Amino acid sequence: MFKHILFDLDGTLTDPVEGILRSLRHTLEHFGLEQEDENQLKAFIGPPLADSFRSLYGFNEEQVAEAICLYRAHYAEDGIFGNKVMPGMVELLTLLQSEGKKMYVATTKMTAFAQQVLEIFKLDGFFSLVIGGNPDGTRTAKREIIAEILEVIPPREQKQAVMIGDRKYDIIGAKAHGMASIAVTFGYGSEAELRNEEPDYLVSSVAELARLLCQ
């Protein structure tokens, strides 16, 4: 059914909430902000960091730049280890690899952090390419990230590609390239958020995702 499979990272391949929340709280404390509402902090999982600091806390550009620097420093030392692989995901990746599927990671997380997460959990060997954001804050839109991956997929095979993710940004990015999309509800986007973007498929578990991908 699909030969080329693009996975989002946070909320799809792994559950990063513990580490991300630790790094966010550390960053917000620097600005004299205390945030006990975990749901507001979880809204950071998926979109670019800069967008979230602007929209959720009204940061100006100078504050955004400082916040991202603080967050990344703390995440590199501590937050990156507050992560875990979604249950059943290793088995799914192993099955897809055995069937000859080509797999990629498309994430708004900085590429170096994404690669490190995959290495920590020994997932890196499953993926042909990992594309994320740049350290200078560029290439943060999911459509830009998907475009980079499409460059290595032969044009005649691009209709056999699919984007899998847990937030609306994954679906929007896939649609920008005429690519099929699978929304997963076991991450951090609500079912309403995902349905509103009209993905081609919507699944509620890794087992359901496996049945779809292995048809």
C-alpha atoms as a PDB file:
ATOM      1  CA  MET A   1       0.000   0.000   0.000  1.00  0.00           C
ATOM      2  CA  PHE A   2       2.706   2.498   1.057  1.00  0.00           C
ATOM      3  CA  LYS A   3       6.376   2.077   0.188  1.00  0.00           C
ATOM      4  CA  HIS A   4       7.750   5.257   1.777  1.00  0.00           C
ATOM      5  CA  ILE A   5       6.644   6.020   5.335  1.00  0.00           C
ATOM      6  CA  LEU A   6       7.352   9.344   7.043  1.00  0.00           C
ATOM      7  CA  PHE A   7       6.985   9.403  10.816  1.00  0.00           C
ATOM      8  CA  ASP A   8       6.677  12.376  13.101  1.00  0.00           C
ATOM      9  CA  LEU A   9       8.811  11.903  16.223  1.00  0.00           C
ATOM     10  CA  ASP A  10       7.291  13.488  19.354  1.00  0.00           C
ATOM     11  CA  GLY A  11       3.896  11.999  20.117  1.00  0.00           C
ATOM     12  CA  THR A  12       4.154   9.445  17.328  1.00  0.00           C
ATOM     13  CA  LEU A  13       7.330   7.381  17.616  1.00  0.00           C
ATOM     14  CA  THR A  14       8.055   8.441  21.175  1.00  0.00           C
ATOM     15  CA  ASP A  15       6.362  10.037  24.173  1.00  0.00           C
ATOM     16  CA  PRO A  16       8.588  12.993  25.134  1.00  0.00           C
ATOM     17  CA  VAL A  17       6.274  14.711  27.605  1.00  0.00           C
ATOM     18  CA  GLU A  18       8.320  14.276  30.793  1.00  0.00           C
ATOM     19  CA  GLY A  19      11.504  15.758  29.351  1.00  0.00           C
ATOM     20  CA  ILE A  20       9.840  18.538  27.386  1.00  0.00           C
ATOM     21  CA  LEU A  21       7.856  19.692  30.412  1.00  0.00           C
ATOM     22  CA  ARG A  22      10.990  19.745  32.574  1.00  0.00           C
ATOM     23  CA  SER A  23      12.822  21.893  30.033  1.00  0.00           C
ATOM     24  CA  LEU A  24       9.849  24.201  29.534  1.00  0.00           C
ATOM     25  CA  ARG A  25       9.409  24.781  33.263  1.00  0.00           C
ATOM     26  CA  HIS A  26      13.111  25.555  33.590  1.00  0.00           C
ATOM     27  CA  THR A  27      12.846  28.056  30.735  1.00  0.00           C
ATOM     28  CA  LEU A  28       9.689  29.751  32.003  1.00  0.00           C
ATOM     29  CA  GLU A  29      11.115  30.104  35.517  1.00  0.00           C
ATOM     30  CA  HIS A  30      13.895  32.214  34.029  1.00  0.00           C
ATOM     31  CA  PHE A  31      11.226  34.673  32.897  1.00  0.00           C
ATOM     32  CA  GLY A  32       9.496  34.616  36.282  1.00  0.00           C
ATOM     33  CA  LEU A  33       6.654  32.468  34.997  1.00  0.00           C
ATOM     34  CA  GLU A  34       5.288  29.441  36.811  1.00  0.00           C
ATOM     35  CA  GLN A  35       3.118  27.078  34.838  1.00  0.00           C
ATOM     36  CA  GLU A  36       1.196  24.367  36.641  1.00  0.00           C
ATOM     37  CA  ASP A  37      -1.234  23.711  33.793  1.00  0.00           C
ATOM     38  CA  GLU A  38       0.268  20.678  32.060  1.00  0.00           C
ATOM     39  CA  ASN A  39      -2.213  20.917  29.209  1.00  0.00           C
ATOM     40  CA  GLN A  40      -0.885  24.336  28.237  1.00  0.00           C
ATOM     41  CA  LEU A  41       2.675  23.029  28.349  1.00  0.00           C
ATOM     42  CA  LYS A  42       1.725  19.982  26.283  1.00  0.00           C
ATOM     43  CA  ALA A  43       0.553  22.372  23.555  1.00  0.00           C
ATOM     44  CA  PHE A  44       4.267  22.900  22.851  1.00  0.00           C
ATOM     45  CA  ILE A  45       4.549  19.335  21.543  1.00  0.00           C
ATOM     46  CA  GLY A  46       4.230  19.509  17.778  1.00  0.00           C
ATOM     47  CA  PRO A  47       4.449  23.118  16.567  1.00  0.00           C
ATOM     48  CA  PRO A  48       7.716  25.084  16.275  1.00  0.00           C
ATOM     49  CA  LEU A  49       8.973  26.326  19.645  1.00  0.00           C
ATOM     50  CA  ALA A  50       9.066  29.955  18.512  1.00  0.00           C
ATOM     51  CA  ASP A  51       5.397  29.877  17.513  1.00  0.00           C
ATOM     52  CA  SER A  52       4.395  28.438  20.874  1.00  0.00           C
ATOM     53  CA  PHE A  53       6.320  30.993  22.925  1.00  0.00           C
ATOM     54  CA  ARG A  54       4.710  33.771  20.889  1.00  0.00           C
ATOM     55  CA  SER A  55       1.152  32.477  20.928  1.00  0.00           C
ATOM     56  CA  LEU A  56       0.977  31.048  24.458  1.00  0.00           C
ATOM     57  CA  TYR A  57       3.067  33.597  26.369  1.00  0.00           C
ATOM     58  CA  GLY A  58       3.149  36.653  24.128  1.00  0.00           C
ATOM     59  CA  PHE A  59       6.943  36.704  23.933  1.00  0.00           C
ATOM     60  CA  ASN A  60       8.559  39.273  21.657  1.00  0.00           C
ATOM     61  CA  GLU A  61      11.320  38.239  19.254  1.00  0.00           C
ATOM     62  CA  GLU A  62      14.134  38.915  21.717  1.00  0.00           C
ATOM     63  CA  GLN A  63      12.400  36.839  24.392  1.00  0.00           C
ATOM     64  CA  VAL A  64      11.683  34.067  21.897  1.00  0.00           C
ATOM     65  CA  ALA A  65      15.350  33.848  20.941  1.00  0.00           C
ATOM     66  CA  GLU A  66      16.441  33.759  24.604  1.00  0.00           C
ATOM     67  CA  ALA A  67      13.765  31.201  25.513  1.00  0.00           C
ATOM     68  CA  ILE A  68      14.754  28.858  22.701  1.00  0.00           C
ATOM     69  CA  CYS A  69      18.412  29.087  23.709  1.00  0.00           C
ATOM     70  CA  LEU A  70      17.591  28.285  27.344  1.00  0.00           C
ATOM     71  CA  TYR A  71      15.234  25.487  26.408  1.00  0.00           C
ATOM     72  CA  ARG A  72      17.699  23.806  24.061  1.00  0.00           C
ATOM     73  CA  ALA A  73      20.529  23.988  26.592  1.00  0.00           C
ATOM     74  CA  HIS A  74      18.408  22.359  29.296  1.00  0.00           C
ATOM     75  CA  TYR A  75      16.919  19.815  26.883  1.00  0.00           C
ATOM     76  CA  ALA A  76      20.376  18.740  25.686  1.00  0.00           C
ATOM     77  CA  GLU A  77      21.548  18.133  29.264  1.00  0.00           C
ATOM     78  CA  ASP A  78      18.381  16.772  30.857  1.00  0.00           C
ATOM     79  CA  GLY A  79      15.118  16.860  28.931  1.00  0.00           C
ATOM     80  CA  ILE A  80      16.196  14.601  26.107  1.00  0.00           C
ATOM     81  CA  PHE A  81      16.362  11.679  28.539  1.00  0.00           C
ATOM     82  CA  GLY A  82      12.761  12.169  29.720  1.00  0.00           C
ATOM     83  CA  ASN A  83      11.410  10.244  26.769  1.00  0.00           C
ATOM     84  CA  LYS A  84      10.112   6.755  25.993  1.00  0.00           C
ATOM     85  CA  VAL A  85       9.209   4.777  22.898  1.00  0.00           C
ATOM     86  CA  MET A  86       5.509   4.321  22.236  1.00  0.00           C
ATOM     87  CA  PRO A  87       4.414   0.785  23.232  1.00  0.00           C
ATOM     88  CA  GLY A  88       4.472  -1.544  20.242  1.00  0.00           C
ATOM     89  CA  MET A  89       6.428   0.877  18.049  1.00  0.00           C
ATOM     90  CA  VAL A  90       9.674  -1.130  17.926  1.00  0.00           C
ATOM     91  CA  GLU A  91       7.729  -4.184  16.808  1.00  0.00           C
ATOM     92  CA  LEU A  92       5.970  -2.159  14.114  1.00  0.00           C
ATOM     93  CA  LEU A  93       9.206  -0.657  12.803  1.00  0.00           C
ATOM     94  CA  THR A  94      10.811  -4.105  12.755  1.00  0.00           C
ATOM     95  CA  LEU A  95       7.898  -5.502  10.751  1.00  0.00           C
ATOM     96  CA  LEU A  96       7.917  -2.620   8.264  1.00  0.00           C
ATOM     97  CA  GLN A  97      11.655  -2.956   7.787  1.00  0.00           C
ATOM     98  CA  SER A  98      11.299  -6.698   7.142  1.00  0.00           C
ATOM     99  CA  GLU A  99       8.741  -5.912   4.446  1.00  0.00           C
ATOM    100  CA  GLY A 100      11.183  -3.610   2.673  1.00  0.00           C
ATOM    101  CA  LYS A 101       9.455  -0.338   3.530  1.00  0.00           C
ATOM    102  CA  LYS A 102      11.585   2.817   3.415  1.00  0.00           C
ATOM    103  CA  MET A 103      11.152   4.898   6.577  1.00  0.00           C
ATOM    104  CA  TYR A 104      11.994   8.496   7.415  1.00  0.00           C
ATOM    105  CA  VAL A 105      11.590  10.882  10.349  1.00  0.00           C
ATOM    106  CA  ALA A 106      10.012  14.283   9.673  1.00  0.00           C
ATOM    107  CA  THR A 107      10.020  16.399  12.831  1.00  0.00           C
ATOM    108  CA  THR A 108      10.047  20.045  13.859  1.00  0.00           C
ATOM    109  CA  LYS A 109      12.514  19.098  16.613  1.00  0.00           C
ATOM    110  CA  MET A 110      16.046  20.182  15.791  1.00  0.00           C
ATOM    111  CA  THR A 111      17.653  17.478  13.621  1.00  0.00           C
ATOM    112  CA  ALA A 112      20.552  16.865  16.023  1.00  0.00           C
ATOM    113  CA  PHE A 113      18.160  16.301  18.942  1.00  0.00           C
ATOM    114  CA  ALA A 114      15.977  13.990  16.852  1.00  0.00           C
ATOM    115  CA  GLN A 115      18.973  11.909  15.834  1.00  0.00           C
ATOM    116  CA  GLN A 116      20.118  11.696  19.442  1.00  0.00           C
ATOM    117  CA  VAL A 117      16.695  10.521  20.627  1.00  0.00           C
ATOM    118  CA  LEU A 118      16.676   7.805  17.972  1.00  0.00           C
ATOM    119  CA  GLU A 119      20.190   6.715  18.944  1.00  0.00           C
ATOM    120  CA  ILE A 120      19.336   6.596  22.663  1.00  0.00           C
ATOM    121  CA  PHE A 121      16.478   4.180  21.974  1.00  0.00           C
ATOM    122  CA  LYS A 122      18.315   2.316  19.199  1.00  0.00           C
ATOM    123  CA  LEU A 123      15.737   3.328  16.605  1.00  0.00           C
ATOM    124  CA  ASP A 124      18.168   5.049  14.255  1.00  0.00           C
ATOM    125  CA  GLY A 125      18.818   1.893  12.235  1.00  0.00           C
ATOM    126  CA  PHE A 126      15.218   1.833  10.998  1.00  0.00           C
ATOM    127  CA  PHE A 127      15.354   5.168   9.180  1.00  0.00           C
ATOM    128  CA  SER A 128      16.916   6.154   5.869  1.00  0.00           C
ATOM    129  CA  LEU A 129      16.828   9.863   6.647  1.00  0.00           C
ATOM    130  CA  VAL A 130      16.034  12.149   9.586  1.00  0.00           C
ATOM    131  CA  ILE A 131      15.023  15.737   8.816  1.00  0.00           C
ATOM    132  CA  GLY A 132      14.151  18.326  11.434  1.00  0.00           C
ATOM    133  CA  GLY A 133      14.586  22.004  12.149  1.00  0.00           C
ATOM    134  CA  ASN A 134      17.848  23.902  11.742  1.00  0.00           C
ATOM    135  CA  PRO A 135      19.720  25.434  14.712  1.00  0.00           C
ATOM    136  CA  ASP A 136      19.198  28.929  13.258  1.00  0.00           C
ATOM    137  CA  GLY A 137      15.424  28.585  13.481  1.00  0.00           C
ATOM    138  CA  THR A 138      14.837  27.883   9.800  1.00  0.00           C
ATOM    139  CA  ARG A 139      13.046  24.865   8.296  1.00  0.00           C
ATOM    140  CA  THR A 140      10.466  24.608  11.062  1.00  0.00           C
ATOM    141  CA  ALA A 141       7.311  24.207   8.954  1.00  0.00           C
ATOM    142  CA  LYS A 142       6.350  20.587   8.393  1.00  0.00           C
ATOM    143  CA  ARG A 143       5.811  21.211   4.666  1.00  0.00           C
ATOM    144  CA  GLU A 144       9.471  22.308   4.382  1.00  0.00           C
ATOM    145  CA  ILE A 145      10.657  19.232   6.249  1.00  0.00           C
ATOM    146  CA  ILE A 146       8.584  16.897   4.092  1.00  0.00           C
ATOM    147  CA  ALA A 147       9.924  18.638   0.973  1.00  0.00           C
ATOM    148  CA  GLU A 148      13.487  17.740   1.998  1.00  0.00           C
ATOM    149  CA  ILE A 149      12.558  14.083   2.342  1.00  0.00           C
ATOM    150  CA  LEU A 150      10.716  14.017  -0.972  1.00  0.00           C
ATOM    151  CA  GLU A 151      13.961  14.988  -2.677  1.00  0.00           C
ATOM    152  CA  VAL A 152      15.363  11.508  -1.971  1.00  0.00           C
ATOM    153  CA  ILE A 153      12.208   9.638  -3.013  1.00  0.00           C
ATOM    154  CA  PRO A 154      11.990   8.920  -6.774  1.00  0.00           C
ATOM    155  CA  PRO A 155       9.197  11.015  -8.334  1.00  0.00           C
ATOM    156  CA  ARG A 156       7.449   7.912  -9.659  1.00  0.00           C
ATOM    157  CA  GLU A 157       7.209   6.550  -6.100  1.00  0.00           C
ATOM    158  CA  GLN A 158       6.037   9.684  -4.282  1.00  0.00           C
ATOM    159  CA  LYS A 159       2.386   8.659  -4.586  1.00  0.00           C
ATOM    160  CA  GLN A 160       3.342   5.658  -2.462  1.00  0.00           C
ATOM    161  CA  ALA A 161       4.467   7.906   0.406  1.00  0.00           C
ATOM    162  CA  VAL A 162       2.504   8.667   3.565  1.00  0.00           C
ATOM    163  CA  MET A 163       2.996  11.035   6.507  1.00  0.00           C
ATOM    164  CA  ILE A 164       2.108   9.786  10.000  1.00  0.00           C
ATOM    165  CA  GLY A 165       1.689  12.182  12.906  1.00  0.00           C
ATOM    166  CA  ASP A 166      -0.288  13.210  15.963  1.00  0.00           C
ATOM    167  CA  ARG A 167      -0.821  16.932  15.275  1.00  0.00           C
ATOM    168  CA  LYS A 168      -2.606  18.953  12.623  1.00  0.00           C
ATOM    169  CA  TYR A 169       0.734  20.236  11.330  1.00  0.00           C
ATOM    170  CA  ASP A 170       1.579  16.747  10.065  1.00  0.00           C
ATOM    171  CA  ILE A 171      -1.645  16.540   8.068  1.00  0.00           C
ATOM    172  CA  ILE A 172      -1.329  20.087   6.728  1.00  0.00           C
ATOM    173  CA  GLY A 173       2.271  19.432   5.690  1.00  0.00           C
ATOM    174  CA  ALA A 174       1.337  16.244   3.866  1.00  0.00           C
ATOM    175  CA  LYS A 175      -1.528  17.932   2.026  1.00  0.00           C
ATOM    176  CA  ALA A 176       0.802  20.687   0.852  1.00  0.00           C
ATOM    177  CA  HIS A 177       2.570  18.021  -1.201  1.00  0.00           C
ATOM    178  CA  GLY A 178      -0.462  16.000  -2.228  1.00  0.00           C
ATOM    179  CA  MET A 179       0.707  13.227   0.094  1.00  0.00           C
ATOM    180  CA  ALA A 180      -1.508  10.773   1.944  1.00  0.00           C
ATOM    181  CA  SER A 181      -1.670  11.199   5.707  1.00  0.00           C
ATOM    182  CA  ILE A 182      -2.412   9.070   8.750  1.00  0.00           C
ATOM    183  CA  ALA A 183      -3.390  10.839  11.961  1.00  0.00           C
ATOM    184  CA  VAL A 184      -2.737   9.018  15.233  1.00  0.00           C
ATOM    185  CA  THR A 185      -4.767   9.816  18.330  1.00  0.00           C
ATOM    186  CA  PHE A 186      -2.342   8.230  20.819  1.00  0.00           C
ATOM    187  CA  GLY A 187      -0.147  11.363  20.789  1.00  0.00           C
ATOM    188  CA  TYR A 188      -0.862  14.965  21.756  1.00  0.00           C
ATOM    189  CA  GLY A 189      -3.330  16.259  19.198  1.00  0.00           C
ATOM    190  CA  SER A 190      -7.007  15.849  20.049  1.00  0.00           C
ATOM    191  CA  GLU A 191      -9.206  13.765  17.797  1.00  0.00           C
ATOM    192  CA  ALA A 192     -11.180  16.925  16.964  1.00  0.00           C
ATOM    193  CA  GLU A 193      -8.000  18.764  15.929  1.00  0.00           C
ATOM    194  CA  LEU A 194      -6.985  15.902  13.655  1.00  0.00           C
ATOM    195  CA  ARG A 195     -10.408  15.263  12.126  1.00  0.00           C
ATOM    196  CA  ASN A 196     -10.716  18.950  11.307  1.00  0.00           C
ATOM    197  CA  GLU A 197      -7.788  18.598   8.878  1.00  0.00           C
ATOM    198  CA  GLU A 198      -9.419  15.600   7.169  1.00  0.00           C
ATOM    199  CA  PRO A 199      -6.541  13.098   7.138  1.00  0.00           C
ATOM    200  CA  ASP A 200      -6.840  10.141   4.803  1.00  0.00           C
ATOM    201  CA  TYR A 201      -6.829   7.778   7.770  1.00  0.00           C
ATOM    202  CA  LEU A 202      -7.198   8.126  11.530  1.00  0.00           C
ATOM    203  CA  VAL A 203      -6.031   5.429  13.943  1.00  0.00           C
ATOM    204  CA  SER A 204      -6.190   5.168  17.717  1.00  0.00           C
ATOM    205  CA  SER A 205      -3.420   2.654  18.456  1.00  0.00           C
ATOM    206  CA  VAL A 206      -0.091   1.343  17.195  1.00  0.00           C
ATOM    207  CA  ALA A 207      -1.790  -1.994  16.533  1.00  0.00           C
ATOM    208  CA  GLU A 208      -4.356  -0.293  14.293  1.00  0.00           C
ATOM    209  CA  LEU A 209      -1.557   1.581  12.534  1.00  0.00           C
ATOM    210  CA  ALA A 210       0.250  -1.705  11.921  1.00  0.00           C
ATOM    211  CA  ARG A 211      -2.831  -3.268  10.333  1.00  0.00           C
ATOM    212  CA  LEU A 212      -3.168  -0.294   8.004  1.00  0.00           C
ATOM    213  CA  LEU A 213       0.477  -0.125   6.949  1.00  0.00           C
ATOM    214  CA  CYS A 214       0.887  -3.852   6.440  1.00  0.00           C
ATOM    215  CA  GLN A 215      -2.081  -4.375   4.117  1.00  0.00           C
END
